[in-house]
Amino acid sequence: MIAPLAKFIDWLSIQKNCRRAPTCYGQTLRLEAIQFLKGPDFIPGESQPARVEFNRDKPGLNFRFPTPRPSSFAENNVVHGRFYRCAGRWQERPAIILLHGGSVGRGRSTSLGYRFGWSLIARRCNRAGFNAATLEAPYHFQRHPRQPGAMGQVDYMRMAEAAAQEVAEIRALTGWLLGEGCPAVALWGLSMGAWLAGMTVCRDARFAAAVMTLPPVRSNPSYADRVIWRSVREAWQEVCAADEALDETPFNLTRARPAIPKENILLVEGTQDLVTPAEPIEELWQLWEQPDIWRLPHGHNSLSLCLTGLISPVLRWLEPRLEAGRKNNA
């Protein structure tokens, strides 16, 4: 990918996503969110397996379970996902949980990339001998609240609770997979999904590996400076200034250390990325004692669109780690 083109695509994405001035709740709710993020209730030590139910019309594919961390929106309290089983004796094969991108606490109702892209990746996982599962993050897709305007503002407490909710759901699904007999579980996340994967493996040692593609390590105040409309730019700059307070909490991945060996972590960085810049990922790489890292000449959106090109190399990287996890648990 030619660097100027990759950056231009990201710049266009920023204009599209920031074309309206945000509505932001006040200082009190931000302080409550920070207290919650720093407290013991954000990510508890214990995690119970999910009570997974499959759709009888499509056995072995669509599933759901009640979230371990209910919210105030009924739609958001049921976790939806798709499980792609290996053919025959799937319980004896490792599993990969695929985590999509988005915006924590401010989700969207549709995504062609999630519907088709992750399905393709999951089936490639099956051909490689691994089960795969996709999860819909809080407030995304089927979990998007139906109330008009429900997602139209920046709500720091909801962002904090949504992150806690998703980590709890990842851990719950992992508990179910391990309980069913899967000998090892890995995470592969993109953007927000990569950030959540990193947050999860810093608090749960059960994972055989984690692939973090374009993780937003901490807040990115520079994106607001790129908005071309002055009044909108100034509004987003205020939000970014408030977001920086979250960098003093576990929202900032550099403030935690992995509970799994560094040899089992892969960071994927886009050297031309304007949305999740390379510098914080490089800082994380250093603080996490230099796990494997792939530096690719892409921007955020160009690499997201070309994610299928990473399937084979990522699966080759995951294979020995998942097999090692299988042998360790045999």
C-alpha atoms as a PDB file:
ATOM      1  CA  MET A   1       0.000   0.000   0.000  1.00  0.00           C
ATOM      2  CA  ILE A   2       1.422   3.396  -1.047  1.00  0.00           C
ATOM      3  CA  ALA A   3       1.884   5.483   2.111  1.00  0.00           C
ATOM      4  CA  PRO A   4       0.103   8.686   0.929  1.00  0.00           C
ATOM      5  CA  LEU A   5      -2.894   6.664  -0.268  1.00  0.00           C
ATOM      6  CA  ALA A   6      -3.116   4.712   3.010  1.00  0.00           C
ATOM      7  CA  LYS A   7      -3.029   7.934   5.009  1.00  0.00           C
ATOM      8  CA  PHE A   8      -5.564   9.621   2.726  1.00  0.00           C
ATOM      9  CA  ILE A   9      -8.025   6.753   3.211  1.00  0.00           C
ATOM     10  CA  ASP A  10      -7.662   7.105   6.996  1.00  0.00           C
ATOM     11  CA  TRP A  11      -8.078  10.894   6.709  1.00  0.00           C
ATOM     12  CA  LEU A  12     -11.320  10.429   4.775  1.00  0.00           C
ATOM     13  CA  SER A  13     -12.525   7.985   7.420  1.00  0.00           C
ATOM     14  CA  ILE A  14     -11.858  10.533  10.162  1.00  0.00           C
ATOM     15  CA  GLN A  15     -13.873  13.179   8.278  1.00  0.00           C
ATOM     16  CA  LYS A  16     -16.769  10.743   7.872  1.00  0.00           C
ATOM     17  CA  ASN A  17     -16.803   9.569  11.475  1.00  0.00           C
ATOM     18  CA  CYS A  18     -16.307  13.047  12.975  1.00  0.00           C
ATOM     19  CA  ARG A  19     -18.556  15.071  10.693  1.00  0.00           C
ATOM     20  CA  ARG A  20     -20.891  15.968  13.562  1.00  0.00           C
ATOM     21  CA  ALA A  21     -19.995  17.594  16.858  1.00  0.00           C
ATOM     22  CA  PRO A  22     -20.329  15.080  19.697  1.00  0.00           C
ATOM     23  CA  THR A  23     -22.600  15.473  22.687  1.00  0.00           C
ATOM     24  CA  CYS A  24     -20.620  14.711  25.800  1.00  0.00           C
ATOM     25  CA  TYR A  25     -21.701  14.111  29.390  1.00  0.00           C
ATOM     26  CA  GLY A  26     -20.045  16.168  32.075  1.00  0.00           C
ATOM     27  CA  GLN A  27     -17.161  16.002  34.491  1.00  0.00           C
ATOM     28  CA  THR A  28     -19.054  14.093  37.201  1.00  0.00           C
ATOM     29  CA  LEU A  29     -19.803  11.077  35.017  1.00  0.00           C
ATOM     30  CA  ARG A  30     -16.222  11.035  33.756  1.00  0.00           C
ATOM     31  CA  LEU A  31     -14.926  10.923  37.328  1.00  0.00           C
ATOM     32  CA  GLU A  32     -17.364   8.100  38.124  1.00  0.00           C
ATOM     33  CA  ALA A  33     -16.088   6.178  35.102  1.00  0.00           C
ATOM     34  CA  ILE A  34     -12.466   6.664  36.173  1.00  0.00           C
ATOM     35  CA  GLN A  35     -13.252   5.432  39.684  1.00  0.00           C
ATOM     36  CA  PHE A  36     -15.006   2.388  38.243  1.00  0.00           C
ATOM     37  CA  LEU A  37     -12.111   1.613  35.892  1.00  0.00           C
ATOM     38  CA  LYS A  38      -9.607   1.792  38.731  1.00  0.00           C
ATOM     39  CA  GLY A  39     -11.730  -0.265  41.129  1.00  0.00           C
ATOM     40  CA  PRO A  40     -11.959  -4.025  41.722  1.00  0.00           C
ATOM     41  CA  ASP A  41     -15.362  -4.344  40.033  1.00  0.00           C
ATOM     42  CA  PHE A  42     -14.050  -3.424  36.573  1.00  0.00           C
ATOM     43  CA  ILE A  43     -12.651  -6.902  35.835  1.00  0.00           C
ATOM     44  CA  PRO A  44     -13.219  -9.334  38.727  1.00  0.00           C
ATOM     45  CA  GLY A  45     -10.817 -12.197  39.327  1.00  0.00           C
ATOM     46  CA  GLU A  46     -13.430 -14.930  38.875  1.00  0.00           C
ATOM     47  CA  SER A  47     -15.314 -15.777  35.676  1.00  0.00           C
ATOM     48  CA  GLN A  48     -18.139 -18.269  35.190  1.00  0.00           C
ATOM     49  CA  PRO A  49     -18.637 -20.192  31.908  1.00  0.00           C
ATOM     50  CA  ALA A  50     -21.315 -18.855  29.586  1.00  0.00           C
ATOM     51  CA  ARG A  51     -24.702 -20.574  29.406  1.00  0.00           C
ATOM     52  CA  VAL A  52     -24.574 -20.999  25.639  1.00  0.00           C
ATOM     53  CA  GLU A  53     -27.752 -21.764  23.689  1.00  0.00           C
ATOM     54  CA  PHE A  54     -27.714 -22.634  19.977  1.00  0.00           C
ATOM     55  CA  ASN A  55     -30.305 -21.709  17.386  1.00  0.00           C
ATOM     56  CA  ARG A  56     -32.239 -24.893  16.670  1.00  0.00           C
ATOM     57  CA  ASP A  57     -32.757 -23.850  13.041  1.00  0.00           C
ATOM     58  CA  LYS A  58     -28.988 -23.674  12.477  1.00  0.00           C
ATOM     59  CA  PRO A  59     -27.407 -26.106  14.915  1.00  0.00           C
ATOM     60  CA  GLY A  60     -23.784 -25.490  15.675  1.00  0.00           C
ATOM     61  CA  LEU A  61     -23.681 -22.004  14.130  1.00  0.00           C
ATOM     62  CA  ASN A  62     -25.672 -19.168  15.737  1.00  0.00           C
ATOM     63  CA  PHE A  63     -25.584 -19.006  19.516  1.00  0.00           C
ATOM     64  CA  ARG A  64     -26.439 -16.662  22.328  1.00  0.00           C
ATOM     65  CA  PHE A  65     -26.069 -16.371  26.083  1.00  0.00           C
ATOM     66  CA  PRO A  66     -27.017 -13.838  28.768  1.00  0.00           C
ATOM     67  CA  THR A  67     -24.286 -11.319  29.435  1.00  0.00           C
ATOM     68  CA  PRO A  68     -22.492 -11.649  32.781  1.00  0.00           C
ATOM     69  CA  ARG A  69     -22.608  -7.838  33.111  1.00  0.00           C
ATOM     70  CA  PRO A  70     -26.136  -6.566  32.311  1.00  0.00           C
ATOM     71  CA  SER A  71     -26.669  -2.998  31.115  1.00  0.00           C
ATOM     72  CA  SER A  72     -29.729  -0.730  31.096  1.00  0.00           C
ATOM     73  CA  PHE A  73     -30.592  -1.716  27.482  1.00  0.00           C
ATOM     74  CA  ALA A  74     -32.435  -5.014  27.030  1.00  0.00           C
ATOM     75  CA  GLU A  75     -31.045  -5.617  23.535  1.00  0.00           C
ATOM     76  CA  ASN A  76     -27.511  -5.320  24.861  1.00  0.00           C
ATOM     77  CA  ASN A  77     -27.989  -7.934  27.565  1.00  0.00           C
ATOM     78  CA  VAL A  78     -28.021 -10.923  25.204  1.00  0.00           C
ATOM     79  CA  VAL A  79     -24.680 -11.886  23.656  1.00  0.00           C
ATOM     80  CA  HIS A  80     -24.899 -13.093  20.044  1.00  0.00           C
ATOM     81  CA  GLY A  81     -22.247 -15.004  18.155  1.00  0.00           C
ATOM     82  CA  ARG A  82     -21.502 -17.662  15.575  1.00  0.00           C
ATOM     83  CA  PHE A  83     -19.603 -20.857  16.251  1.00  0.00           C
ATOM     84  CA  TYR A  84     -17.779 -22.556  13.395  1.00  0.00           C
ATOM     85  CA  ARG A  85     -16.972 -26.128  14.397  1.00  0.00           C
ATOM     86  CA  CYS A  86     -14.323 -28.367  12.926  1.00  0.00           C
ATOM     87  CA  ALA A  87     -15.788 -31.375  11.185  1.00  0.00           C
ATOM     88  CA  GLY A  88     -15.913 -34.299  13.573  1.00  0.00           C
ATOM     89  CA  ARG A  89     -14.869 -34.369  17.240  1.00  0.00           C
ATOM     90  CA  TRP A  90     -14.627 -30.601  17.413  1.00  0.00           C
ATOM     91  CA  GLN A  91     -14.224 -30.738  21.196  1.00  0.00           C
ATOM     92  CA  GLU A  92     -10.714 -32.110  20.682  1.00  0.00           C
ATOM     93  CA  ARG A  93      -9.567 -29.142  18.608  1.00  0.00           C
ATOM     94  CA  PRO A  94      -8.342 -25.708  19.804  1.00  0.00           C
ATOM     95  CA  ALA A  95     -10.538 -22.652  19.278  1.00  0.00           C
ATOM     96  CA  ILE A  96      -9.944 -19.064  18.136  1.00  0.00           C
ATOM     97  CA  ILE A  97     -12.274 -16.267  19.276  1.00  0.00           C
ATOM     98  CA  LEU A  98     -12.481 -13.497  16.651  1.00  0.00           C
ATOM     99  CA  LEU A  99     -13.125  -9.965  17.940  1.00  0.00           C
ATOM    100  CA  HIS A 100     -14.262  -7.277  15.507  1.00  0.00           C
ATOM    101  CA  GLY A 101     -13.537  -3.555  15.530  1.00  0.00           C
ATOM    102  CA  GLY A 102     -15.857  -0.674  16.318  1.00  0.00           C
ATOM    103  CA  SER A 103     -16.310   1.932  19.023  1.00  0.00           C
ATOM    104  CA  VAL A 104     -16.618   0.892  22.659  1.00  0.00           C
ATOM    105  CA  GLY A 105     -19.991   1.884  24.101  1.00  0.00           C
ATOM    106  CA  ARG A 106     -20.986   3.613  20.854  1.00  0.00           C
ATOM    107  CA  GLY A 107     -21.675   0.712  18.518  1.00  0.00           C
ATOM    108  CA  ARG A 108     -23.407   0.447  15.184  1.00  0.00           C
ATOM    109  CA  SER A 109     -26.303  -1.620  13.870  1.00  0.00           C
ATOM    110  CA  THR A 110     -24.790  -3.142  10.711  1.00  0.00           C
ATOM    111  CA  SER A 111     -21.430  -4.176   9.289  1.00  0.00           C
ATOM    112  CA  LEU A 112     -20.733  -6.045   6.052  1.00  0.00           C
ATOM    113  CA  GLY A 113     -17.161  -6.614   7.212  1.00  0.00           C
ATOM    114  CA  TYR A 114     -18.310  -8.454  10.312  1.00  0.00           C
ATOM    115  CA  ARG A 115     -20.941 -10.449   8.475  1.00  0.00           C
ATOM    116  CA  PHE A 116     -18.767 -11.632   5.587  1.00  0.00           C
ATOM    117  CA  GLY A 117     -15.112 -10.927   6.456  1.00  0.00           C
ATOM    118  CA  TRP A 118     -15.035 -12.683   9.810  1.00  0.00           C
ATOM    119  CA  SER A 119     -17.088 -15.574   8.399  1.00  0.00           C
ATOM    120  CA  LEU A 120     -14.395 -16.102   5.767  1.00  0.00           C
ATOM    121  CA  ILE A 121     -11.655 -15.998   8.396  1.00  0.00           C
ATOM    122  CA  ALA A 122     -13.580 -18.429  10.623  1.00  0.00           C
ATOM    123  CA  ARG A 123     -13.945 -20.977   7.827  1.00  0.00           C
ATOM    124  CA  ARG A 124     -10.236 -20.703   7.038  1.00  0.00           C
ATOM    125  CA  CYS A 125      -9.618 -21.449  10.720  1.00  0.00           C
ATOM    126  CA  ASN A 126     -11.726 -24.594  10.320  1.00  0.00           C
ATOM    127  CA  ARG A 127      -9.693 -25.730   7.318  1.00  0.00           C
ATOM    128  CA  ALA A 128      -6.549 -25.258   9.398  1.00  0.00           C
ATOM    129  CA  GLY A 129      -7.999 -27.543  12.078  1.00  0.00           C
ATOM    130  CA  PHE A 130      -9.266 -24.948  14.560  1.00  0.00           C
ATOM    131  CA  ASN A 131     -12.727 -24.117  15.799  1.00  0.00           C
ATOM    132  CA  ALA A 132     -13.652 -20.448  15.507  1.00  0.00           C
ATOM    133  CA  ALA A 133     -16.204 -18.234  17.219  1.00  0.00           C
ATOM    134  CA  THR A 134     -17.264 -14.657  16.533  1.00  0.00           C
ATOM    135  CA  LEU A 135     -18.805 -12.414  19.183  1.00  0.00           C
ATOM    136  CA  GLU A 136     -20.915  -9.294  18.730  1.00  0.00           C
ATOM    137  CA  ALA A 137     -19.508  -6.622  21.025  1.00  0.00           C
ATOM    138  CA  PRO A 138     -21.806  -4.655  23.355  1.00  0.00           C
ATOM    139  CA  TYR A 139     -24.047  -2.138  21.539  1.00  0.00           C
ATOM    140  CA  HIS A 140     -23.093  -3.541  18.111  1.00  0.00           C
ATOM    141  CA  PHE A 141     -25.305  -5.184  15.459  1.00  0.00           C
ATOM    142  CA  GLN A 142     -28.170  -7.169  17.078  1.00  0.00           C
ATOM    143  CA  ARG A 143     -27.238  -5.604  20.422  1.00  0.00           C
ATOM    144  CA  HIS A 144     -27.655  -2.033  19.183  1.00  0.00           C
ATOM    145  CA  PRO A 145     -30.396  -0.276  21.227  1.00  0.00           C
ATOM    146  CA  ARG A 146     -33.551   0.531  19.277  1.00  0.00           C
ATOM    147  CA  GLN A 147     -34.319   3.756  21.151  1.00  0.00           C
ATOM    148  CA  PRO A 148     -33.777   6.791  18.884  1.00  0.00           C
ATOM    149  CA  GLY A 149     -30.647   8.721  19.836  1.00  0.00           C
ATOM    150  CA  ALA A 150     -29.474   6.134  22.367  1.00  0.00           C
ATOM    151  CA  MET A 151     -25.972   6.044  20.850  1.00  0.00           C
ATOM    152  CA  GLY A 152     -25.684   9.692  19.913  1.00  0.00           C
ATOM    153  CA  GLN A 153     -23.498  10.949  22.754  1.00  0.00           C
ATOM    154  CA  VAL A 154     -20.157  10.307  24.419  1.00  0.00           C
ATOM    155  CA  ASP A 155     -20.963   8.582  27.717  1.00  0.00           C
ATOM    156  CA  TYR A 156     -17.807   7.735  29.679  1.00  0.00           C
ATOM    157  CA  MET A 157     -19.555   5.519  32.199  1.00  0.00           C
ATOM    158  CA  ARG A 158     -21.217   3.517  29.452  1.00  0.00           C
ATOM    159  CA  MET A 159     -17.857   3.166  27.698  1.00  0.00           C
ATOM    160  CA  ALA A 160     -16.290   1.820  30.896  1.00  0.00           C
ATOM    161  CA  GLU A 161     -19.176  -0.554  31.539  1.00  0.00           C
ATOM    162  CA  ALA A 162     -19.172  -1.750  27.916  1.00  0.00           C
ATOM    163  CA  ALA A 163     -15.462  -2.603  28.126  1.00  0.00           C
ATOM    164  CA  ALA A 164     -16.039  -4.508  31.372  1.00  0.00           C
ATOM    165  CA  GLN A 165     -19.006  -6.249  29.771  1.00  0.00           C
ATOM    166  CA  GLU A 166     -17.078  -7.384  26.692  1.00  0.00           C
ATOM    167  CA  VAL A 167     -14.102  -8.671  28.680  1.00  0.00           C
ATOM    168  CA  ALA A 168     -16.511 -10.610  30.901  1.00  0.00           C
ATOM    169  CA  GLU A 169     -18.213 -12.072  27.818  1.00  0.00           C
ATOM    170  CA  ILE A 170     -14.926 -13.117  26.214  1.00  0.00           C
ATOM    171  CA  ARG A 171     -13.892 -14.847  29.424  1.00  0.00           C
ATOM    172  CA  ALA A 172     -17.324 -16.493  29.794  1.00  0.00           C
ATOM    173  CA  LEU A 173     -17.209 -17.898  26.253  1.00  0.00           C
ATOM    174  CA  THR A 174     -13.660 -19.095  26.889  1.00  0.00           C
ATOM    175  CA  GLY A 175     -14.857 -20.909  29.988  1.00  0.00           C
ATOM    176  CA  TRP A 176     -17.589 -22.610  27.953  1.00  0.00           C
ATOM    177  CA  LEU A 177     -15.136 -23.685  25.217  1.00  0.00           C
ATOM    178  CA  LEU A 178     -12.691 -25.107  27.731  1.00  0.00           C
ATOM    179  CA  GLY A 179     -15.535 -26.794  29.591  1.00  0.00           C
ATOM    180  CA  GLU A 180     -16.705 -28.443  26.363  1.00  0.00           C
ATOM    181  CA  GLY A 181     -13.245 -29.957  25.958  1.00  0.00           C
ATOM    182  CA  CYS A 182     -11.428 -27.552  23.619  1.00  0.00           C
ATOM    183  CA  PRO A 183      -7.816 -27.961  24.736  1.00  0.00           C
ATOM    184  CA  ALA A 184      -6.691 -24.377  24.018  1.00  0.00           C
ATOM    185  CA  VAL A 185      -8.244 -20.988  23.198  1.00  0.00           C
ATOM    186  CA  ALA A 186      -6.659 -18.006  21.437  1.00  0.00           C
ATOM    187  CA  LEU A 187      -7.897 -14.486  20.691  1.00  0.00           C
ATOM    188  CA  TRP A 188      -7.574 -12.594  17.412  1.00  0.00           C
ATOM    189  CA  GLY A 189      -8.859  -9.024  17.560  1.00  0.00           C
ATOM    190  CA  LEU A 190      -8.955  -6.099  15.146  1.00  0.00           C
ATOM    191  CA  SER A 191      -8.801  -2.479  16.354  1.00  0.00           C
ATOM    192  CA  MET A 192     -11.253  -2.288  19.270  1.00  0.00           C
ATOM    193  CA  GLY A 193     -11.263  -6.081  19.331  1.00  0.00           C
ATOM    194  CA  ALA A 194      -7.469  -6.083  19.608  1.00  0.00           C
ATOM    195  CA  TRP A 195      -7.645  -3.613  22.496  1.00  0.00           C
ATOM    196  CA  LEU A 196     -10.176  -5.822  24.277  1.00  0.00           C
ATOM    197  CA  ALA A 197      -8.040  -8.896  23.605  1.00  0.00           C
ATOM    198  CA  GLY A 198      -5.067  -7.145  25.205  1.00  0.00           C
ATOM    199  CA  MET A 199      -7.126  -6.078  28.197  1.00  0.00           C
ATOM    200  CA  THR A 200      -8.382  -9.656  28.610  1.00  0.00           C
ATOM    201  CA  VAL A 201      -5.014 -11.433  28.451  1.00  0.00           C
ATOM    202  CA  CYS A 202      -3.673  -9.021  31.062  1.00  0.00           C
ATOM    203  CA  ARG A 203      -6.169 -10.478  33.539  1.00  0.00           C
ATOM    204  CA  ASP A 204      -6.682 -14.084  32.468  1.00  0.00           C
ATOM    205  CA  ALA A 205      -3.852 -16.609  32.004  1.00  0.00           C
ATOM    206  CA  ARG A 206      -5.997 -19.294  30.336  1.00  0.00           C
ATOM    207  CA  PHE A 207      -5.331 -18.113  26.779  1.00  0.00           C
ATOM    208  CA  ALA A 208      -2.844 -19.940  24.587  1.00  0.00           C
ATOM    209  CA  ALA A 209      -2.154 -16.850  22.457  1.00  0.00           C
ATOM    210  CA  ALA A 210      -3.408 -13.422  21.416  1.00  0.00           C
ATOM    211  CA  VAL A 211      -3.120 -11.648  18.059  1.00  0.00           C
ATOM    212  CA  MET A 212      -3.698  -7.915  18.371  1.00  0.00           C
ATOM    213  CA  THR A 213      -4.150  -6.238  14.987  1.00  0.00           C
ATOM    214  CA  LEU A 214      -4.059  -2.411  15.062  1.00  0.00           C
ATOM    215  CA  PRO A 215      -4.826  -2.087  18.796  1.00  0.00           C
ATOM    216  CA  PRO A 216      -5.757   1.420  20.022  1.00  0.00           C
ATOM    217  CA  VAL A 217      -3.338   1.286  22.934  1.00  0.00           C
ATOM    218  CA  ARG A 218      -4.544   4.567  24.431  1.00  0.00           C
ATOM    219  CA  SER A 219      -6.436   7.683  23.358  1.00  0.00           C
ATOM    220  CA  ASN A 220      -5.430   9.326  20.090  1.00  0.00           C
ATOM    221  CA  PRO A 221      -5.848  13.107  20.408  1.00  0.00           C
ATOM    222  CA  SER A 222      -4.258  13.730  17.009  1.00  0.00           C
ATOM    223  CA  TYR A 223      -7.294  12.482  15.056  1.00  0.00           C
ATOM    224  CA  ALA A 224      -9.421  15.425  16.262  1.00  0.00           C
ATOM    225  CA  ASP A 225      -6.859  17.886  14.891  1.00  0.00           C
ATOM    226  CA  ARG A 226      -7.459  16.467  11.417  1.00  0.00           C
ATOM    227  CA  VAL A 227     -11.186  17.352  11.295  1.00  0.00           C
ATOM    228  CA  ILE A 228     -11.621  20.055   8.669  1.00  0.00           C
ATOM    229  CA  TRP A 229     -14.708  21.831  10.098  1.00  0.00           C
ATOM    230  CA  ARG A 230     -13.558  24.260  12.781  1.00  0.00           C
ATOM    231  CA  SER A 231     -16.512  24.093  15.197  1.00  0.00           C
ATOM    232  CA  VAL A 232     -16.694  20.312  14.902  1.00  0.00           C
ATOM    233  CA  ARG A 233     -12.914  20.034  15.289  1.00  0.00           C
ATOM    234  CA  GLU A 234     -12.983  22.083  18.492  1.00  0.00           C
ATOM    235  CA  ALA A 235     -15.781  19.911  19.913  1.00  0.00           C
ATOM    236  CA  TRP A 236     -13.835  16.729  19.179  1.00  0.00           C
ATOM    237  CA  GLN A 237     -10.694  18.270  20.656  1.00  0.00           C
ATOM    238  CA  GLU A 238     -12.602  18.786  23.917  1.00  0.00           C
ATOM    239  CA  VAL A 239     -13.630  15.128  23.856  1.00  0.00           C
ATOM    240  CA  CYS A 240     -10.023  14.070  23.218  1.00  0.00           C
ATOM    241  CA  ALA A 241      -8.832  16.175  26.157  1.00  0.00           C
ATOM    242  CA  ALA A 242     -11.367  14.369  28.348  1.00  0.00           C
ATOM    243  CA  ASP A 243     -10.362  11.010  26.869  1.00  0.00           C
ATOM    244  CA  GLU A 244      -6.775  11.588  27.979  1.00  0.00           C
ATOM    245  CA  ALA A 245      -7.948  11.275  31.576  1.00  0.00           C
ATOM    246  CA  LEU A 246      -8.833   7.670  30.743  1.00  0.00           C
ATOM    247  CA  ASP A 247      -5.165   7.061  29.931  1.00  0.00           C
ATOM    248  CA  GLU A 248      -4.546   6.946  33.678  1.00  0.00           C
ATOM    249  CA  THR A 249      -6.823   3.909  33.963  1.00  0.00           C
ATOM    250  CA  PRO A 250      -6.726   0.331  32.586  1.00  0.00           C
ATOM    251  CA  PHE A 251      -8.128   1.746  29.326  1.00  0.00           C
ATOM    252  CA  ASN A 252      -4.448   2.401  28.578  1.00  0.00           C
ATOM    253  CA  LEU A 253      -2.886  -0.984  27.779  1.00  0.00           C
ATOM    254  CA  THR A 254       0.575   0.232  28.767  1.00  0.00           C
ATOM    255  CA  ARG A 255      -0.560   0.355  32.398  1.00  0.00           C
ATOM    256  CA  ALA A 256      -0.957  -3.443  32.588  1.00  0.00           C
ATOM    257  CA  ARG A 257       1.209  -6.466  31.835  1.00  0.00           C
ATOM    258  CA  PRO A 258       0.131  -9.716  30.151  1.00  0.00           C
ATOM    259  CA  ALA A 259      -0.752 -12.770  32.199  1.00  0.00           C
ATOM    260  CA  ILE A 260       0.434 -14.998  29.334  1.00  0.00           C
ATOM    261  CA  PRO A 261       4.039 -15.355  28.063  1.00  0.00           C
ATOM    262  CA  LYS A 262       5.240 -12.672  25.671  1.00  0.00           C
ATOM    263  CA  GLU A 263       6.105 -15.416  23.172  1.00  0.00           C
ATOM    264  CA  ASN A 264       2.361 -16.000  22.794  1.00  0.00           C
ATOM    265  CA  ILE A 265       1.490 -12.408  21.852  1.00  0.00           C
ATOM    266  CA  LEU A 266       1.581 -10.968  18.331  1.00  0.00           C
ATOM    267  CA  LEU A 267       1.188  -7.241  17.657  1.00  0.00           C
ATOM    268  CA  VAL A 268       0.286  -6.118  14.130  1.00  0.00           C
ATOM    269  CA  GLU A 269       1.033  -2.466  13.428  1.00  0.00           C
ATOM    270  CA  GLY A 270       0.148  -0.257  10.467  1.00  0.00           C
ATOM    271  CA  THR A 271       3.075   2.072   9.916  1.00  0.00           C
ATOM    272  CA  GLN A 272       0.863   4.602   8.063  1.00  0.00           C
ATOM    273  CA  ASP A 273      -2.085   4.426  10.496  1.00  0.00           C
ATOM    274  CA  LEU A 274      -3.739   7.735  11.451  1.00  0.00           C
ATOM    275  CA  VAL A 275      -6.496   6.130  13.559  1.00  0.00           C
ATOM    276  CA  THR A 276      -4.365   3.902  15.814  1.00  0.00           C
ATOM    277  CA  PRO A 277      -0.880   5.359  15.312  1.00  0.00           C
ATOM    278  CA  ALA A 278       2.253   3.243  15.377  1.00  0.00           C
ATOM    279  CA  GLU A 279       3.947   5.112  18.245  1.00  0.00           C
ATOM    280  CA  PRO A 280       1.726   3.807  21.086  1.00  0.00           C
ATOM    281  CA  ILE A 281       2.000   0.271  19.693  1.00  0.00           C
ATOM    282  CA  GLU A 282       5.784   0.604  19.706  1.00  0.00           C
ATOM    283  CA  GLU A 283       5.609   1.792  23.318  1.00  0.00           C
ATOM    284  CA  LEU A 284       3.429  -1.186  24.216  1.00  0.00           C
ATOM    285  CA  TRP A 285       5.868  -3.510  22.457  1.00  0.00           C
ATOM    286  CA  GLN A 286       8.714  -2.201  24.593  1.00  0.00           C
ATOM    287  CA  LEU A 287       6.773  -2.322  27.882  1.00  0.00           C
ATOM    288  CA  TRP A 288       5.524  -5.826  27.159  1.00  0.00           C
ATOM    289  CA  GLU A 289       9.152  -6.968  26.715  1.00  0.00           C
ATOM    290  CA  GLN A 290       9.124  -7.060  22.922  1.00  0.00           C
ATOM    291  CA  PRO A 291       6.709  -9.802  21.871  1.00  0.00           C
ATOM    292  CA  ASP A 292       6.451 -10.650  18.184  1.00  0.00           C
ATOM    293  CA  ILE A 293       5.472  -7.644  16.086  1.00  0.00           C
ATOM    294  CA  TRP A 294       4.656  -7.269  12.395  1.00  0.00           C
ATOM    295  CA  ARG A 295       5.077  -3.757  11.000  1.00  0.00           C
ATOM    296  CA  LEU A 296       3.059  -3.507   7.811  1.00  0.00           C
ATOM    297  CA  PRO A 297       3.022  -0.552   5.355  1.00  0.00           C
ATOM    298  CA  HIS A 298      -0.698   0.095   5.769  1.00  0.00           C
ATOM    299  CA  GLY A 299      -3.128   2.538   7.285  1.00  0.00           C
ATOM    300  CA  HIS A 300      -5.952   1.552   9.625  1.00  0.00           C
ATOM    301  CA  ASN A 301      -8.607   1.180   6.966  1.00  0.00           C
ATOM    302  CA  SER A 302      -6.431  -0.290   4.243  1.00  0.00           C
ATOM    303  CA  LEU A 303      -5.202  -3.077   6.519  1.00  0.00           C
ATOM    304  CA  SER A 304      -8.735  -3.695   7.817  1.00  0.00           C
ATOM    305  CA  LEU A 305      -9.925  -4.106   4.227  1.00  0.00           C
ATOM    306  CA  CYS A 306      -7.013  -6.426   3.459  1.00  0.00           C
ATOM    307  CA  LEU A 307      -7.355  -8.460   6.652  1.00  0.00           C
ATOM    308  CA  THR A 308      -7.995 -11.672   4.744  1.00  0.00           C
ATOM    309  CA  GLY A 309      -4.421 -11.433   3.472  1.00  0.00           C
ATOM    310  CA  LEU A 310      -3.254 -11.983   7.046  1.00  0.00           C
ATOM    311  CA  ILE A 311      -5.194 -15.214   7.571  1.00  0.00           C
ATOM    312  CA  SER A 312      -2.517 -17.663   6.448  1.00  0.00           C
ATOM    313  CA  PRO A 313       0.452 -16.030   8.221  1.00  0.00           C
ATOM    314  CA  VAL A 314      -1.548 -15.500  11.418  1.00  0.00           C
ATOM    315  CA  LEU A 315      -2.740 -19.119  11.450  1.00  0.00           C
ATOM    316  CA  ARG A 316       0.822 -20.311  10.878  1.00  0.00           C
ATOM    317  CA  TRP A 317       1.912 -18.180  13.830  1.00  0.00           C
ATOM    318  CA  LEU A 318      -0.945 -19.470  16.009  1.00  0.00           C
ATOM    319  CA  GLU A 319      -0.589 -23.164  15.156  1.00  0.00           C
ATOM    320  CA  PRO A 320       2.416 -24.075  17.349  1.00  0.00           C
ATOM    321  CA  ARG A 321       1.037 -22.059  20.266  1.00  0.00           C
ATOM    322  CA  LEU A 322      -2.392 -23.665  20.095  1.00  0.00           C
ATOM    323  CA  GLU A 323      -0.864 -27.112  19.712  1.00  0.00           C
ATOM    324  CA  ALA A 324       1.415 -26.441  22.683  1.00  0.00           C
ATOM    325  CA  GLY A 325      -1.636 -25.426  24.695  1.00  0.00           C
ATOM    326  CA  ARG A 326      -3.395 -28.613  23.612  1.00  0.00           C
ATOM    327  CA  LYS A 327      -0.455 -30.771  24.762  1.00  0.00           C
ATOM    328  CA  ASN A 328      -0.158 -28.909  28.054  1.00  0.00           C
ATOM    329  CA  ASN A 329      -3.816 -29.549  28.796  1.00  0.00           C
ATOM    330  CA  ALA A 330      -3.818 -33.170  27.592  1.00  0.00           C
END
